[in-house]
Amino acid sequence: MGAFHAYDIRGIYNVDFNRNDVYRIGYFLPKLLGSDKILIGRDVRESSPEIREWLIRGILDSGAHAYDIGESTTPMLYFATVKLNFSASVQITASHNPKEYNGLKVSREDAIPVGFDTGLGKLKEMVEGGRVIPVEANKRGELHMVDIRRDYIAFLESYKVDLSNLRCAIDLSNGMVATLIKDLLGEESESLLYLFDTPDGTFPNHDPNPLDPKNIVDLQRKVIQNSCDIGVIFDGDGDRVMFVDESGRFISPDLIIALMAHYFVEERNLKGAVLQDIRSSKSIKEYLEPFGVELHTWKVGRAFAALKLRELDGVWGGELAGHYYFREFFYSDSGLMAALIVLRVVSKMKERGVSLSSLISKIELYHNSGEINFKIQKKQEAMDAVKEYFLANERAVATFDFDGYRVEFDQWWFNIRPSNTEPYLRFLAEAKSKSILDSRVEKVKELLAHFQ
């Protein structure tokens, strides 16, 4: 079964995995996590009800009990996992992937993620080779329905302020945030404009992936046509959020890590560790230095970031992919919580006469290549060649050798890392001038051409 990955179980349903695989996952999961109670949530994809049914069958046949919160965002399931004191939970979702995909995100106690190295690898072995022996009928588990919606909304409301001075466009991507947003911000009005706010697992308007430029075109148009101060767009399961400024320009999600200092430090005086991923802009460190926080760099993905922020007892953190993690949210990621914090900052900045684009221009100090993908089979040899060339020809000021390589020089830096699921190397660079950036990117293309 090809659906097990570094962070979750995911693929095209009935191609990479099917209902029999899901049943076996449900059957072996209680044993893996040492729990006789499994909490379940699901997104609105067309295959989610069937996956739910067979997951529950497996859980109950193992003798464990299933507790179902119904249709939910992924962060809502994290919230329920902690608040209801579950030691195992599963969200049925394929996050930002197209409609034919689905999957399962597994967490243990305190909503700690279960990745391939921390349990999914062992689960894969069980699913592929373990023997299923359903318990006797009188020992079979039971299904219980759970309502956590009101408590979750009450938690999020504590981060909301009066936003009446803002004009805001919000693209819900026909995803799960559409089931919550109006309870938090209210119905559509002259200053609050919603796009694609009906949950629909066929995603009729665009794929629920805000990182793909074609999926934000409608939001950009809406922002410009209605003179909005900000545009917001969520992914399918609500664990990611991204933003465009008042001119419709997409804001690189890593820069939002720096923006959040205006809430956590300036407003609340919460100083401490902040986390970024290995691809994050050097601008973040330079912007955060005057705030007195400790910036740490770590691997990409929730399976790594949530654990690292917990280890650091960090205040907040984020990733280039639009995940934002919070100590006050069990070191987990929440797109809605992040959006409320950003809207709060933008509203207060507008009161001072500062637009979102002006604020971002003070953060963004480097020219960025964006992530460039190279299809390469011998990924390690190719990464080594790039690193060794630049280390031999320029003086590095910092080197990170996890999740690929990040090498920093005085005028520029680069990150090169392997895809976990595809034969690609992902390369990203920043420089203080466009000419430096262009010359280094061309050199990398030349070096990697020998491996393609």
Protein backbone atom coordinates (compact mmCIF):
# COMPACT_ATOMS: atom_id res chain seq x y z
CA MET A 1 0.00 0.00 0.00
CA GLY A 2 1.55 3.28 -1.13
CA ALA A 3 -0.41 5.65 1.09
CA PHE A 4 1.93 5.73 4.12
CA HIS A 5 4.13 8.82 4.15
CA ALA A 6 6.35 10.75 6.54
CA TYR A 7 3.53 12.79 8.07
CA ASP A 8 0.30 10.89 7.42
CA ILE A 9 -1.54 8.25 5.39
CA ARG A 10 -2.68 9.78 2.11
CA GLY A 11 -3.28 8.98 -1.54
CA ILE A 12 -5.86 8.51 -4.27
CA TYR A 13 -8.72 6.56 -2.72
CA ASN A 14 -9.26 3.13 -4.31
CA VAL A 15 -5.86 3.41 -6.00
CA ASP A 16 -3.29 3.93 -3.26
CA PHE A 17 -5.52 2.52 -0.54
CA ASN A 18 -9.07 1.19 -0.20
CA ARG A 19 -11.72 0.36 2.38
CA ASN A 20 -10.08 -2.94 3.30
CA ASP A 21 -6.86 -1.07 4.11
CA VAL A 22 -8.86 1.42 6.16
CA TYR A 23 -10.56 -1.42 8.06
CA ARG A 24 -7.16 -2.91 8.92
CA ILE A 25 -5.86 0.52 9.99
CA GLY A 26 -8.85 0.83 12.32
CA TYR A 27 -8.31 -2.68 13.67
CA PHE A 28 -4.59 -2.26 14.46
CA LEU A 29 -4.59 1.41 15.54
CA PRO A 30 -5.81 0.76 19.13
CA LYS A 31 -2.97 -1.72 19.63
CA LEU A 32 -0.41 0.66 18.13
CA LEU A 33 -1.39 3.56 20.39
CA GLY A 34 -2.33 1.47 23.43
CA SER A 35 -5.82 2.93 23.61
CA ASP A 36 -9.30 1.43 23.78
CA LYS A 37 -10.90 4.73 22.67
CA ILE A 38 -10.29 6.33 19.26
CA LEU A 39 -11.61 9.82 18.44
CA ILE A 40 -12.57 10.44 14.80
CA GLY A 41 -13.30 13.49 12.66
CA ARG A 42 -13.68 13.85 8.90
CA ASP A 43 -13.71 16.38 6.10
CA VAL A 44 -16.39 16.74 3.45
CA ARG A 45 -14.76 14.74 0.63
CA GLU A 46 -17.06 12.33 -1.18
CA SER A 47 -15.06 9.30 -0.01
CA SER A 48 -14.93 10.39 3.64
CA PRO A 49 -18.22 8.71 4.73
CA GLU A 50 -17.07 5.34 3.37
CA ILE A 51 -13.65 5.69 4.97
CA ARG A 52 -15.33 6.61 8.26
CA GLU A 53 -17.56 3.53 8.06
CA TRP A 54 -14.72 1.08 7.49
CA LEU A 55 -12.38 2.77 9.96
CA ILE A 56 -15.06 2.45 12.65
CA ARG A 57 -15.71 -1.18 11.70
CA GLY A 58 -12.06 -1.98 12.25
CA ILE A 59 -11.91 -0.13 15.56
CA LEU A 60 -15.03 -1.84 16.92
CA ASP A 61 -13.89 -5.28 15.73
CA SER A 62 -10.67 -4.82 17.71
CA GLY A 63 -12.74 -4.37 20.88
CA ALA A 64 -12.02 -0.63 21.13
CA HIS A 65 -14.63 2.14 21.12
CA ALA A 66 -15.01 4.84 18.45
CA TYR A 67 -16.02 8.40 19.30
CA ASP A 68 -17.11 10.52 16.33
CA ILE A 69 -17.18 14.34 16.27
CA GLY A 70 -18.61 14.32 12.73
CA GLU A 71 -17.55 16.72 9.97
CA SER A 72 -14.78 18.93 11.31
CA THR A 73 -11.63 20.83 10.54
CA THR A 74 -8.43 19.00 11.45
CA PRO A 75 -7.57 21.55 14.20
CA MET A 76 -11.04 20.99 15.70
CA LEU A 77 -10.12 17.32 16.11
CA TYR A 78 -6.82 18.30 17.76
CA PHE A 79 -8.78 20.49 20.17
CA ALA A 80 -11.19 17.65 20.96
CA THR A 81 -8.33 15.19 21.45
CA VAL A 82 -6.83 17.31 24.22
CA LYS A 83 -9.98 18.70 25.82
CA LEU A 84 -11.69 15.30 25.99
CA ASN A 85 -8.49 13.58 27.13
CA PHE A 86 -8.15 11.06 24.29
CA SER A 87 -4.87 9.23 23.74
CA ALA A 88 -5.62 8.46 20.08
CA SER A 89 -7.41 10.31 17.28
CA VAL A 90 -7.77 10.15 13.49
CA GLN A 91 -8.81 12.88 11.08
CA ILE A 92 -10.08 11.63 7.73
CA THR A 93 -8.79 14.17 5.21
CA ALA A 94 -6.44 14.75 2.30
CA SER A 95 -5.93 18.37 3.34
CA HIS A 96 -5.09 20.44 0.24
CA ASN A 97 -5.02 17.62 -2.32
CA PRO A 98 -7.51 17.33 -5.21
CA LYS A 99 -10.92 15.68 -4.76
CA GLU A 100 -9.87 12.13 -5.69
CA TYR A 101 -7.46 12.01 -2.75
CA ASN A 102 -8.17 11.17 0.86
CA GLY A 103 -6.23 10.02 3.90
CA LEU A 104 -5.85 9.81 7.66
CA LYS A 105 -3.93 12.05 10.08
CA VAL A 106 -3.13 10.21 13.30
CA SER A 107 -2.44 11.80 16.69
CA ARG A 108 -1.79 10.45 20.17
CA GLU A 109 -2.32 12.09 23.58
CA ASP A 110 -2.11 15.91 23.72
CA ALA A 111 -2.65 15.91 19.92
CA ILE A 112 0.97 14.85 19.41
CA PRO A 113 1.40 13.86 15.74
CA VAL A 114 2.20 10.29 14.77
CA GLY A 115 4.62 10.25 11.83
CA PHE A 116 6.24 7.39 9.98
CA ASP A 117 9.17 7.25 12.41
CA THR A 118 6.95 7.50 15.49
CA GLY A 119 4.31 4.90 14.70
CA LEU A 120 3.02 4.97 11.12
CA GLY A 121 5.88 2.74 9.97
CA LYS A 122 4.92 0.12 12.56
CA LEU A 123 1.23 0.53 11.63
CA LYS A 124 2.11 -0.09 7.98
CA GLU A 125 3.77 -3.38 8.96
CA MET A 126 0.68 -4.38 10.95
CA VAL A 127 -1.71 -3.49 8.13
CA GLU A 128 0.30 -5.33 5.50
CA GLY A 129 1.20 -8.44 7.51
CA GLY A 130 -0.88 -8.62 10.69
CA ARG A 131 -3.65 -11.11 11.31
CA VAL A 132 -7.16 -9.76 11.90
CA ILE A 133 -9.25 -11.73 14.39
CA PRO A 134 -12.43 -9.80 15.27
CA VAL A 135 -13.45 -10.03 18.90
CA GLU A 136 -16.58 -11.90 19.93
CA ALA A 137 -19.85 -10.02 19.49
CA ASN A 138 -20.28 -9.33 23.20
CA LYS A 139 -16.78 -7.80 23.39
CA ARG A 140 -17.13 -5.61 20.31
CA GLY A 141 -16.62 -1.88 20.85
CA GLU A 142 -19.35 0.75 20.63
CA LEU A 143 -19.76 3.94 18.57
CA HIS A 144 -20.47 7.21 20.40
CA MET A 145 -21.22 10.64 18.90
CA VAL A 146 -19.48 13.66 20.43
CA ASP A 147 -20.28 17.39 20.08
CA ILE A 148 -17.27 19.67 20.59
CA ARG A 149 -18.21 22.47 18.17
CA ARG A 150 -19.47 25.01 20.73
CA ASP A 151 -16.40 24.63 22.97
CA TYR A 152 -14.05 24.99 20.01
CA ILE A 153 -15.74 28.16 18.78
CA ALA A 154 -15.60 29.61 22.31
CA PHE A 155 -11.85 28.94 22.40
CA LEU A 156 -11.27 30.69 19.07
CA GLU A 157 -13.42 33.67 20.05
CA SER A 158 -10.86 34.60 22.71
CA TYR A 159 -8.51 35.68 19.88
CA LYS A 160 -11.07 37.81 18.07
CA VAL A 161 -11.28 41.59 18.32
CA ASP A 162 -13.54 44.18 16.73
CA LEU A 163 -12.64 44.08 13.04
CA SER A 164 -15.20 46.64 11.88
CA ASN A 165 -12.44 48.94 10.55
CA LEU A 166 -11.35 46.27 8.05
CA ARG A 167 -12.72 45.25 4.69
CA CYS A 168 -11.80 41.59 4.27
CA ALA A 169 -12.28 38.91 1.58
CA ILE A 170 -12.13 35.29 2.71
CA ASP A 171 -11.88 32.29 0.36
CA LEU A 172 -13.10 29.12 2.12
CA SER A 173 -12.09 26.84 -0.79
CA ASN A 174 -15.36 24.87 -0.29
CA GLY A 175 -13.56 23.31 2.65
CA MET A 176 -14.19 22.66 6.31
CA VAL A 177 -13.53 26.19 7.64
CA ALA A 178 -16.76 27.16 5.90
CA THR A 179 -18.62 25.25 8.65
CA LEU A 180 -17.20 27.53 11.39
CA ILE A 181 -16.24 30.92 9.99
CA LYS A 182 -19.63 32.64 10.16
CA ASP A 183 -20.05 31.69 13.81
CA LEU A 184 -16.81 33.54 14.47
CA LEU A 185 -16.92 36.52 12.12
CA GLY A 186 -20.59 36.80 11.17
CA GLU A 187 -22.55 36.63 7.95
CA GLU A 188 -21.39 38.29 4.74
CA SER A 189 -21.61 42.06 4.82
CA GLU A 190 -20.29 45.09 2.99
CA SER A 191 -16.97 44.78 4.85
CA LEU A 192 -16.82 40.97 5.08
CA LEU A 193 -16.88 39.10 1.76
CA TYR A 194 -16.90 35.32 1.46
CA LEU A 195 -15.94 33.20 -1.53
CA PHE A 196 -16.86 29.53 -2.00
CA ASP A 197 -18.36 29.23 1.46
CA THR A 198 -20.38 26.06 0.87
CA PRO A 199 -18.56 22.88 1.97
CA ASP A 200 -18.29 20.66 -1.11
CA GLY A 201 -15.86 17.74 -1.37
CA THR A 202 -15.79 17.99 -5.17
CA PHE A 203 -14.15 21.43 -4.81
CA PRO A 204 -16.08 22.88 -7.79
CA ASN A 205 -14.33 26.27 -7.83
CA HIS A 206 -10.67 25.42 -7.31
CA ASP A 207 -8.51 22.81 -5.58
CA PRO A 208 -8.15 23.54 -1.85
CA ASN A 209 -4.43 24.31 -2.15
CA PRO A 210 -3.65 27.99 -1.51
CA LEU A 211 0.02 27.54 -2.49
CA ASP A 212 -0.91 27.02 -6.14
CA PRO A 213 -1.13 30.49 -7.73
CA LYS A 214 -4.11 29.57 -9.93
CA ASN A 215 -6.18 28.83 -6.80
CA ILE A 216 -5.90 32.35 -5.40
CA VAL A 217 -6.85 34.25 -8.55
CA ASP A 218 -10.49 34.67 -7.50
CA LEU A 219 -9.47 35.97 -4.08
CA GLN A 220 -7.00 38.44 -5.58
CA ARG A 221 -9.67 39.73 -7.94
CA LYS A 222 -12.17 40.08 -5.09
CA VAL A 223 -9.69 42.01 -2.95
CA ILE A 224 -8.87 44.47 -5.72
CA GLN A 225 -12.44 44.97 -6.95
CA ASN A 226 -13.73 45.66 -3.44
CA SER A 227 -10.78 47.70 -2.11
CA CYS A 228 -10.19 45.19 0.68
CA ASP A 229 -7.46 45.59 3.30
CA ILE A 230 -6.61 41.89 3.24
CA GLY A 231 -7.54 38.60 1.60
CA VAL A 232 -7.54 35.28 3.45
CA ILE A 233 -7.62 31.77 1.99
CA PHE A 234 -7.85 28.41 3.78
CA ASP A 235 -7.00 24.92 2.61
CA GLY A 236 -9.45 22.01 2.59
CA ASP A 237 -9.16 20.81 6.19
CA GLY A 238 -8.42 24.14 7.87
CA ASP A 239 -4.95 23.54 9.24
CA ARG A 240 -3.38 26.02 6.79
CA VAL A 241 -4.11 29.63 5.92
CA MET A 242 -2.52 32.16 3.58
CA PHE A 243 -2.96 35.85 2.83
CA VAL A 244 -2.87 38.49 0.10
CA ASP A 245 -2.36 42.19 0.77
CA GLU A 246 -4.60 45.08 -0.30
CA SER A 247 -3.05 45.11 -3.78
CA GLY A 248 -3.81 41.40 -4.23
CA ARG A 249 -0.16 40.40 -3.84
CA PHE A 250 0.38 36.97 -2.31
CA ILE A 251 2.32 37.08 0.97
CA SER A 252 4.90 34.36 1.40
CA PRO A 253 3.51 32.38 4.39
CA ASP A 254 6.82 32.30 6.27
CA LEU A 255 6.77 36.09 6.61
CA ILE A 256 3.60 35.79 8.70
CA ILE A 257 5.76 34.19 11.43
CA ALA A 258 7.44 37.58 11.85
CA LEU A 259 4.15 39.51 11.67
CA MET A 260 2.76 37.54 14.61
CA ALA A 261 5.34 39.11 16.94
CA HIS A 262 3.10 42.19 16.97
CA TYR A 263 0.47 40.11 18.75
CA PHE A 264 2.45 37.76 20.95
CA VAL A 265 5.26 40.13 21.95
CA GLU A 266 4.06 43.68 21.32
CA GLU A 267 0.50 43.17 22.59
CA ARG A 268 0.94 40.36 25.12
CA ASN A 269 4.65 40.49 26.02
CA LEU A 270 5.08 36.73 25.51
CA LYS A 271 8.78 36.34 24.77
CA GLY A 272 10.44 33.00 24.24
CA ALA A 273 11.24 30.50 21.50
CA VAL A 274 9.78 30.88 17.99
CA LEU A 275 10.07 28.16 15.35
CA GLN A 276 10.56 28.37 11.60
CA ASP A 277 11.20 25.63 9.06
CA ILE A 278 14.46 25.17 7.19
CA ARG A 279 13.08 26.93 4.09
CA SER A 280 12.08 30.13 5.89
CA SER A 281 13.28 33.58 4.84
CA LYS A 282 16.28 35.11 6.59
CA SER A 283 14.11 38.23 6.84
CA ILE A 284 12.24 36.59 9.72
CA LYS A 285 15.28 36.39 11.95
CA GLU A 286 16.28 39.97 11.20
CA TYR A 287 12.77 41.31 11.85
CA LEU A 288 12.32 39.37 15.09
CA GLU A 289 15.68 40.29 16.67
CA PRO A 290 14.42 43.61 18.13
CA PHE A 291 11.47 41.75 19.70
CA GLY A 292 13.83 39.71 21.86
CA VAL A 293 12.64 36.24 20.81
CA GLU A 294 14.78 33.15 20.25
CA LEU A 295 14.34 31.92 16.69
CA HIS A 296 14.89 28.21 16.03
CA THR A 297 15.03 26.40 12.70
CA TRP A 298 13.77 22.85 12.23
CA LYS A 299 12.45 20.24 9.79
CA VAL A 300 9.42 20.66 7.53
CA GLY A 301 6.08 19.09 8.50
CA ARG A 302 3.74 18.89 11.47
CA ALA A 303 5.19 15.53 12.55
CA PHE A 304 8.42 17.43 13.25
CA ALA A 305 7.36 21.03 13.94
CA ALA A 306 4.73 20.32 16.61
CA LEU A 307 7.14 18.09 18.53
CA LYS A 308 9.96 20.63 18.27
CA LEU A 309 7.82 23.54 19.46
CA ARG A 310 6.72 21.39 22.41
CA GLU A 311 10.33 20.51 23.20
CA LEU A 312 11.27 24.21 23.14
CA ASP A 313 8.07 25.25 24.93
CA GLY A 314 7.94 27.80 22.13
CA VAL A 315 5.32 30.53 21.94
CA TRP A 316 4.54 30.15 18.24
CA GLY A 317 6.01 28.93 14.99
CA GLY A 318 5.25 28.47 11.34
CA GLU A 319 6.17 26.98 8.00
CA LEU A 320 6.51 28.12 4.41
CA ALA A 321 3.49 25.93 3.58
CA GLY A 322 1.15 28.06 5.72
CA HIS A 323 1.00 25.98 8.91
CA TYR A 324 1.19 28.01 12.15
CA TYR A 325 1.73 26.36 15.54
CA PHE A 326 0.86 27.77 18.95
CA ARG A 327 1.73 26.87 22.51
CA GLU A 328 -1.78 27.94 23.47
CA PHE A 329 -3.15 25.41 20.97
CA PHE A 330 -1.27 22.40 22.35
CA TYR A 331 1.73 23.17 20.10
CA SER A 332 -0.49 22.28 17.13
CA ASP A 333 -1.51 24.16 14.00
CA SER A 334 -4.77 25.98 13.40
CA GLY A 335 -5.59 27.99 10.31
CA LEU A 336 -8.48 29.80 12.01
CA MET A 337 -6.46 30.76 15.07
CA ALA A 338 -3.69 32.06 12.82
CA ALA A 339 -6.18 34.04 10.73
CA LEU A 340 -7.77 35.65 13.79
CA ILE A 341 -4.34 36.73 15.05
CA VAL A 342 -3.32 38.15 11.67
CA LEU A 343 -6.62 40.02 11.26
CA ARG A 344 -6.15 41.41 14.77
CA VAL A 345 -2.68 42.72 13.87
CA VAL A 346 -3.82 44.15 10.52
CA SER A 347 -6.75 45.92 12.21
CA LYS A 348 -4.49 47.52 14.82
CA MET A 349 -1.96 48.51 12.17
CA LYS A 350 -4.69 50.17 10.11
CA GLU A 351 -5.59 52.27 13.17
CA ARG A 352 -1.99 53.55 13.03
CA GLY A 353 -2.25 54.24 9.31
CA VAL A 354 -0.10 51.24 8.32
CA SER A 355 -1.35 49.01 5.49
CA LEU A 356 -0.62 45.31 5.27
CA SER A 357 1.68 45.80 2.27
CA SER A 358 3.65 48.45 4.19
CA LEU A 359 4.07 46.12 7.14
CA ILE A 360 5.21 43.23 4.93
CA SER A 361 7.67 45.51 3.11
CA LYS A 362 9.40 46.14 6.44
CA ILE A 363 9.73 42.38 6.96
CA GLU A 364 10.63 41.22 3.45
CA LEU A 365 14.23 42.27 2.80
CA TYR A 366 15.48 39.56 0.41
CA HIS A 367 14.88 38.50 -3.18
CA ASN A 368 13.45 34.98 -3.18
CA SER A 369 13.57 32.30 -5.87
CA GLY A 370 10.50 30.44 -4.70
CA GLU A 371 10.67 26.66 -4.49
CA ILE A 372 12.14 25.12 -7.66
CA ASN A 373 11.69 21.38 -8.28
CA PHE A 374 14.22 19.17 -10.05
CA LYS A 375 13.29 15.61 -11.06
CA ILE A 376 16.25 13.57 -9.89
CA GLN A 377 16.64 9.94 -8.80
CA LYS A 378 20.05 10.20 -7.10
CA LYS A 379 18.92 12.89 -4.70
CA GLN A 380 21.64 12.58 -2.06
CA GLU A 381 24.48 12.72 -4.59
CA ALA A 382 22.91 15.77 -6.23
CA MET A 383 22.42 17.60 -2.91
CA ASP A 384 26.00 16.88 -1.91
CA ALA A 385 27.30 18.23 -5.21
CA VAL A 386 25.50 21.55 -4.75
CA LYS A 387 26.58 21.94 -1.15
CA GLU A 388 30.21 21.01 -1.82
CA TYR A 389 30.51 23.38 -4.78
CA PHE A 390 29.38 26.45 -2.86
CA LEU A 391 31.29 25.57 0.31
CA ALA A 392 34.46 25.27 -1.81
CA ASN A 393 33.91 28.60 -3.56
CA GLU A 394 32.34 30.85 -0.89
CA ARG A 395 32.67 31.32 2.87
CA ALA A 396 29.61 30.01 4.69
CA VAL A 397 28.41 31.73 7.87
CA ALA A 398 25.97 28.95 8.91
CA THR A 399 25.18 25.38 7.84
CA PHE A 400 22.22 23.16 8.73
CA ASP A 401 22.36 19.50 7.71
CA PHE A 402 18.90 18.17 8.57
CA ASP A 403 15.99 17.91 6.13
CA GLY A 404 18.46 18.38 3.31
CA TYR A 405 20.91 21.26 3.60
CA ARG A 406 20.59 24.93 4.38
CA VAL A 407 23.78 26.91 3.82
CA GLU A 408 23.98 30.63 4.57
CA PHE A 409 26.51 33.10 3.19
CA ASP A 410 26.88 36.83 3.81
CA GLN A 411 24.85 37.92 0.77
CA TRP A 412 22.63 34.91 0.14
CA TRP A 413 21.55 31.44 1.30
CA PHE A 414 20.00 28.29 -0.11
CA ASN A 415 18.08 25.22 1.00
CA ILE A 416 18.06 21.98 -0.96
CA ARG A 417 15.98 19.08 0.29
CA PRO A 418 14.49 15.83 -1.02
CA SER A 419 10.79 15.25 -1.45
CA ASN A 420 9.51 12.55 0.89
CA THR A 421 7.10 11.12 -1.66
CA GLU A 422 8.39 11.95 -5.16
CA PRO A 423 11.68 11.76 -7.12
CA TYR A 424 12.25 15.49 -6.72
CA LEU A 425 14.80 17.78 -5.15
CA ARG A 426 13.31 21.04 -3.91
CA PHE A 427 15.61 24.07 -4.09
CA LEU A 428 15.03 27.55 -2.67
CA ALA A 429 17.37 30.53 -2.38
CA GLU A 430 17.37 34.15 -1.20
CA ALA A 431 19.80 36.97 -1.83
CA LYS A 432 20.21 40.63 -1.02
CA SER A 433 20.16 41.50 -4.73
CA LYS A 434 18.40 40.00 -7.71
CA SER A 435 21.63 39.69 -9.66
CA ILE A 436 23.22 37.57 -6.93
CA LEU A 437 20.10 35.43 -6.72
CA ASP A 438 19.88 34.89 -10.49
CA SER A 439 23.55 33.94 -10.80
CA ARG A 440 23.37 31.38 -7.97
CA VAL A 441 20.16 29.81 -9.26
CA GLU A 442 21.70 29.45 -12.74
CA LYS A 443 24.74 27.76 -11.21
CA VAL A 444 22.55 25.31 -9.31
CA LYS A 445 20.66 24.45 -12.51
CA GLU A 446 24.00 23.82 -14.20
CA LEU A 447 25.22 21.57 -11.37
CA LEU A 448 21.99 19.57 -11.21
CA ALA A 449 21.78 19.09 -14.98
CA HIS A 450 24.40 16.34 -14.58
CA PHE A 451 21.97 14.34 -12.41
CA GLN A 452 18.81 14.69 -14.50
